[in-house]
């Protein structure tokens, strides 16, 4: 059970980071202090930036 909660928190952080990246927000706005969760958020943010550069979003 614990693992699932942790994964949910990480995937939520990832998608929030992704949304921020798509919106063109700075990675400096990452709200997380926890290193694991923060790296998920930043991973989402980076993926969004890559997707935007490849023209998936205008």
PDB file of N, CA and C in Angstrom:
ATOM      1  N   UNK A   1       0.831  -1.207   0.000  1.00  0.00           N
ATOM      2  CA  UNK A   1       0.000   0.000   0.000  1.00  0.00           C
ATOM      3  C   UNK A   1       0.871   1.265   0.000  1.00  0.00           C
ATOM      4  N   UNK A   2       1.891   1.245   0.820  1.00  0.00           N
ATOM      5  CA  UNK A   2       2.771   2.408   0.916  1.00  0.00           C
ATOM      6  C   UNK A   2       3.389   2.750  -0.440  1.00  0.00           C
ATOM      7  N   UNK A   3       3.850   1.731  -1.149  1.00  0.00           N
ATOM      8  CA  UNK A   3       4.472   1.962  -2.452  1.00  0.00           C
ATOM      9  C   UNK A   3       3.532   2.677  -3.409  1.00  0.00           C
ATOM     10  N   UNK A   4       2.282   2.250  -3.423  1.00  0.00           N
ATOM     11  CA  UNK A   4       1.328   2.861  -4.343  1.00  0.00           C
ATOM     12  C   UNK A   4       1.108   4.334  -4.040  1.00  0.00           C
ATOM     13  N   UNK A   5       0.976   4.674  -2.750  1.00  0.00           N
ATOM     14  CA  UNK A   5       0.790   6.079  -2.382  1.00  0.00           C
ATOM     15  C   UNK A   5       1.981   6.905  -2.850  1.00  0.00           C
ATOM     16  N   UNK A   6       3.161   6.353  -2.661  1.00  0.00           N
ATOM     17  CA  UNK A   6       4.377   7.049  -3.055  1.00  0.00           C
ATOM     18  C   UNK A   6       4.393   7.268  -4.566  1.00  0.00           C
ATOM     19  N   UNK A   7       4.029   6.222  -5.315  1.00  0.00           N
ATOM     20  CA  UNK A   7       4.012   6.333  -6.770  1.00  0.00           C
ATOM     21  C   UNK A   7       2.985   7.357  -7.233  1.00  0.00           C
ATOM     22  N   UNK A   8       1.821   7.368  -6.583  1.00  0.00           N
ATOM     23  CA  UNK A   8       0.791   8.346  -6.934  1.00  0.00           C
ATOM     24  C   UNK A   8       1.299   9.769  -6.729  1.00  0.00           C
ATOM     25  N   UNK A   9       1.990   9.980  -5.619  1.00  0.00           N
ATOM     26  CA  UNK A   9       2.524  11.308  -5.336  1.00  0.00           C
ATOM     27  C   UNK A   9       3.559  11.688  -6.384  1.00  0.00           C
ATOM     28  N   UNK A  10       4.374  10.725  -6.771  1.00  0.00           N
ATOM     29  CA  UNK A  10       5.397  11.001  -7.779  1.00  0.00           C
ATOM     30  C   UNK A  10       4.784  11.265  -9.150  1.00  0.00           C
ATOM     31  N   UNK A  11       3.769  10.486  -9.519  1.00  0.00           N
ATOM     32  CA  UNK A  11       3.187  10.724 -10.841  1.00  0.00           C
ATOM     33  C   UNK A  11       2.401  12.028 -10.867  1.00  0.00           C
ATOM     34  N   UNK A  12       1.826  12.406  -9.734  1.00  0.00           N
ATOM     35  CA  UNK A  12       1.135  13.694  -9.641  1.00  0.00           C
ATOM     36  C   UNK A  12       2.153  14.825  -9.781  1.00  0.00           C
ATOM     37  N   UNK A  13       3.296  14.678  -9.134  1.00  0.00           N
ATOM     38  CA  UNK A  13       4.353  15.692  -9.243  1.00  0.00           C
ATOM     39  C   UNK A  13       4.841  15.791 -10.684  1.00  0.00           C
ATOM     40  N   UNK A  14       5.006  14.631 -11.325  1.00  0.00           N
ATOM     41  CA  UNK A  14       5.460  14.614 -12.719  1.00  0.00           C
ATOM     42  C   UNK A  14       4.480  15.367 -13.613  1.00  0.00           C
ATOM     43  N   UNK A  15       3.177  15.077 -13.455  1.00  0.00           N
ATOM     44  CA  UNK A  15       2.219  15.735 -14.348  1.00  0.00           C
ATOM     45  C   UNK A  15       2.067  17.219 -14.037  1.00  0.00           C
ATOM     46  N   UNK A  16       2.238  17.601 -12.778  1.00  0.00           N
ATOM     47  CA  UNK A  16       2.214  19.034 -12.459  1.00  0.00           C
ATOM     48  C   UNK A  16       3.411  19.750 -13.061  1.00  0.00           C
ATOM     49  N   UNK A  17       4.558  19.088 -13.027  1.00  0.00           N
ATOM     50  CA  UNK A  17       5.751  19.651 -13.661  1.00  0.00           C
ATOM     51  C   UNK A  17       5.552  19.783 -15.160  1.00  0.00           C
ATOM     52  N   UNK A  18       4.927  18.758 -15.738  1.00  0.00           N
ATOM     53  CA  UNK A  18       4.654  18.771 -17.174  1.00  0.00           C
ATOM     54  C   UNK A  18       3.742  19.940 -17.529  1.00  0.00           C
ATOM     55  N   UNK A  19       2.686  20.113 -16.751  1.00  0.00           N
ATOM     56  CA  UNK A  19       1.752  21.226 -16.995  1.00  0.00           C
ATOM     57  C   UNK A  19       2.471  22.578 -16.911  1.00  0.00           C
ATOM     58  N   UNK A  20       3.341  22.716 -15.932  1.00  0.00           N
ATOM     59  CA  UNK A  20       4.090  23.967 -15.781  1.00  0.00           C
ATOM     60  C   UNK A  20       4.980  24.209 -17.006  1.00  0.00           C
ATOM     61  N   UNK A  21       5.617  23.146 -17.486  1.00  0.00           N
ATOM     62  CA  UNK A  21       6.481  23.266 -18.659  1.00  0.00           C
ATOM     63  C   UNK A  21       5.700  23.664 -19.900  1.00  0.00           C
ATOM     64  N   UNK A  22       4.542  23.044 -20.095  1.00  0.00           N
ATOM     65  CA  UNK A  22       3.697  23.362 -21.254  1.00  0.00           C
ATOM     66  C   UNK A  22       3.249  24.822 -21.185  1.00  0.00           C
ATOM     67  N   UNK A  23       2.986  25.289 -19.968  1.00  0.00           N
ATOM     68  CA  UNK A  23       2.540  26.672 -19.783  1.00  0.00           C
ATOM     69  C   UNK A  23       3.697  27.664 -19.923  1.00  0.00           C
ATOM     70  N   UNK A  24       4.910  27.133 -20.101  1.00  0.00           N
ATOM     71  CA  UNK A  24       6.071  27.996 -20.281  1.00  0.00           C
ATOM     72  C   UNK A  24       6.590  28.611 -18.992  1.00  0.00           C
ATOM     73  N   UNK A  25       6.254  27.982 -17.866  1.00  0.00           N
ATOM     74  CA  UNK A  25       6.714  28.504 -16.576  1.00  0.00           C
ATOM     75  C   UNK A  25       8.148  28.052 -16.313  1.00  0.00           C
ATOM     76  N   UNK A  26       8.833  28.786 -15.463  1.00  0.00           N
ATOM     77  CA  UNK A  26      10.213  28.470 -15.114  1.00  0.00           C
ATOM     78  C   UNK A  26      10.278  27.240 -14.218  1.00  0.00           C
ATOM     79  N   UNK A  27      11.349  26.460 -14.361  1.00  0.00           N
ATOM     80  CA  UNK A  27      11.509  25.303 -13.479  1.00  0.00           C
ATOM     81  C   UNK A  27      11.768  25.752 -12.041  1.00  0.00           C
ATOM     82  N   UNK A  28      12.092  27.017 -11.858  1.00  0.00           N
ATOM     83  CA  UNK A  28      12.328  27.552 -10.518  1.00  0.00           C
ATOM     84  C   UNK A  28      11.064  27.587  -9.657  1.00  0.00           C
ATOM     85  N   UNK A  29       9.900  27.458 -10.286  1.00  0.00           N
ATOM     86  CA  UNK A  29       8.659  27.489  -9.510  1.00  0.00           C
ATOM     87  C   UNK A  29       8.311  26.144  -8.884  1.00  0.00           C
ATOM     88  N   UNK A  30       9.152  25.143  -9.080  1.00  0.00           N
ATOM     89  CA  UNK A  30       8.880  23.822  -8.512  1.00  0.00           C
ATOM     90  C   UNK A  30       8.563  23.943  -7.022  1.00  0.00           C
ATOM     91  N   UNK A  31       7.370  23.490  -6.610  1.00  0.00           N
ATOM     92  CA  UNK A  31       6.933  23.664  -5.222  1.00  0.00           C
ATOM     93  C   UNK A  31       7.474  22.625  -4.241  1.00  0.00           C
ATOM     94  N   UNK A  32       8.159  21.606  -4.745  1.00  0.00           N
ATOM     95  CA  UNK A  32       8.571  20.509  -3.865  1.00  0.00           C
ATOM     96  C   UNK A  32       9.965  20.677  -3.285  1.00  0.00           C
ATOM     97  N   UNK A  33      10.109  20.279  -2.014  1.00  0.00           N
ATOM     98  CA  UNK A  33      11.405  20.288  -1.341  1.00  0.00           C
ATOM     99  C   UNK A  33      12.006  18.886  -1.351  1.00  0.00           C
ATOM    100  N   UNK A  34      11.139  17.873  -1.191  1.00  0.00           N
ATOM    101  CA  UNK A  34      11.565  16.480  -1.177  1.00  0.00           C
ATOM    102  C   UNK A  34      12.296  16.139  -2.474  1.00  0.00           C
ATOM    103  N   UNK A  35      13.521  15.644  -2.350  1.00  0.00           N
ATOM    104  CA  UNK A  35      14.370  15.400  -3.513  1.00  0.00           C
ATOM    105  C   UNK A  35      13.751  14.456  -4.535  1.00  0.00           C
ATOM    106  N   UNK A  36      13.180  13.339  -4.066  1.00  0.00           N
ATOM    107  CA  UNK A  36      12.562  12.374  -4.985  1.00  0.00           C
ATOM    108  C   UNK A  36      11.407  12.994  -5.750  1.00  0.00           C
ATOM    109  N   UNK A  37      10.522  13.665  -5.029  1.00  0.00           N
ATOM    110  CA  UNK A  37       9.342  14.253  -5.646  1.00  0.00           C
ATOM    111  C   UNK A  37       9.755  15.405  -6.567  1.00  0.00           C
ATOM    112  N   UNK A  38      10.712  16.181  -6.112  1.00  0.00           N
ATOM    113  CA  UNK A  38      11.205  17.302  -6.913  1.00  0.00           C
ATOM    114  C   UNK A  38      11.791  16.807  -8.239  1.00  0.00           C
ATOM    115  N   UNK A  39      12.512  15.693  -8.202  1.00  0.00           N
ATOM    116  CA  UNK A  39      13.090  15.197  -9.447  1.00  0.00           C
ATOM    117  C   UNK A  39      12.003  14.687 -10.390  1.00  0.00           C
ATOM    118  N   UNK A  40      10.902  14.176  -9.846  1.00  0.00           N
ATOM    119  CA  UNK A  40       9.759  13.793 -10.683  1.00  0.00           C
ATOM    120  C   UNK A  40       9.169  15.025 -11.363  1.00  0.00           C
ATOM    121  N   UNK A  41       8.972  16.098 -10.572  1.00  0.00           N
ATOM    122  CA  UNK A  41       8.413  17.352 -11.098  1.00  0.00           C
ATOM    123  C   UNK A  41       9.310  17.879 -12.216  1.00  0.00           C
ATOM    124  N   UNK A  42      10.619  17.902 -11.947  1.00  0.00           N
ATOM    125  CA  UNK A  42      11.565  18.420 -12.943  1.00  0.00           C
ATOM    126  C   UNK A  42      11.607  17.531 -14.186  1.00  0.00           C
ATOM    127  N   UNK A  43      11.435  16.231 -13.995  1.00  0.00           N
ATOM    128  CA  UNK A  43      11.379  15.316 -15.136  1.00  0.00           C
ATOM    129  C   UNK A  43      10.188  15.642 -16.027  1.00  0.00           C
ATOM    130  N   UNK A  44       9.060  15.898 -15.410  1.00  0.00           N
ATOM    131  CA  UNK A  44       7.862  16.282 -16.160  1.00  0.00           C
ATOM    132  C   UNK A  44       8.067  17.606 -16.877  1.00  0.00           C
ATOM    133  N   UNK A  45       8.686  18.534 -16.170  1.00  0.00           N
ATOM    134  CA  UNK A  45       8.957  19.854 -16.740  1.00  0.00           C
ATOM    135  C   UNK A  45       9.856  19.729 -17.975  1.00  0.00           C
ATOM    136  N   UNK A  46      10.939  18.943 -17.839  1.00  0.00           N
ATOM    137  CA  UNK A  46      11.870  18.748 -18.968  1.00  0.00           C
ATOM    138  C   UNK A  46      11.184  18.087 -20.156  1.00  0.00           C
ATOM    139  N   UNK A  47      10.344  17.097 -19.879  1.00  0.00           N
ATOM    140  CA  UNK A  47       9.643  16.409 -20.961  1.00  0.00           C
ATOM    141  C   UNK A  47       8.725  17.372 -21.712  1.00  0.00           C
ATOM    142  N   UNK A  48       8.056  18.254 -20.970  1.00  0.00           N
ATOM    143  CA  UNK A  48       7.169  19.238 -21.588  1.00  0.00           C
ATOM    144  C   UNK A  48       7.956  20.197 -22.481  1.00  0.00           C
ATOM    145  N   UNK A  49       9.109  20.635 -21.998  1.00  0.00           N
ATOM    146  CA  UNK A  49       9.953  21.543 -22.778  1.00  0.00           C
ATOM    147  C   UNK A  49      10.383  20.858 -24.080  1.00  0.00           C
ATOM    148  N   UNK A  50      10.779  19.594 -23.975  1.00  0.00           N
ATOM    149  CA  UNK A  50      11.169  18.823 -25.165  1.00  0.00           C
ATOM    150  C   UNK A  50      10.002  18.703 -26.136  1.00  0.00           C
ATOM    151  N   UNK A  51       8.818  18.366 -25.610  1.00  0.00           N
ATOM    152  CA  UNK A  51       7.635  18.243 -26.463  1.00  0.00           C
ATOM    153  C   UNK A  51       7.318  19.562 -27.167  1.00  0.00           C
ATOM    154  N   UNK A  52       7.455  20.658 -26.436  1.00  0.00           N
ATOM    155  CA  UNK A  52       7.190  21.972 -27.047  1.00  0.00           C
ATOM    156  C   UNK A  52       8.205  22.254 -28.162  1.00  0.00           C
ATOM    157  N   UNK A  53       9.470  21.929 -27.912  1.00  0.00           N
ATOM    158  CA  UNK A  53      10.509  22.171 -28.919  1.00  0.00           C
ATOM    159  C   UNK A  53      10.271  21.333 -30.169  1.00  0.00           C
ATOM    160  N   UNK A  54       9.676  20.174 -29.982  1.00  0.00           N
ATOM    161  CA  UNK A  54       9.402  19.301 -31.130  1.00  0.00           C
ATOM    162  C   UNK A  54       8.089  19.690 -31.810  1.00  0.00           C
ATOM    163  N   UNK A  55       7.458  20.719 -31.328  1.00  0.00           N
ATOM    164  CA  UNK A  55       6.267  21.246 -31.975  1.00  0.00           C
ATOM    165  C   UNK A  55       4.971  20.534 -31.642  1.00  0.00           C
ATOM    166  N   UNK A  56       4.958  19.763 -30.549  1.00  0.00           N
ATOM    167  CA  UNK A  56       3.736  19.064 -30.169  1.00  0.00           C
ATOM    168  C   UNK A  56       2.702  20.032 -29.606  1.00  0.00           C
ATOM    169  N   UNK A  57       3.186  21.155 -29.067  1.00  0.00           N
ATOM    170  CA  UNK A  57       2.284  22.179 -28.513  1.00  0.00           C
ATOM    171  C   UNK A  57       2.669  23.519 -29.092  1.00  0.00           C
ATOM    172  N   UNK A  58       1.671  24.347 -29.305  1.00  0.00           N
ATOM    173  CA  UNK A  58       1.960  25.683 -29.841  1.00  0.00           C
ATOM    174  C   UNK A  58       1.707  26.716 -28.761  1.00  0.00           C
TER     175      UNK A  58
END
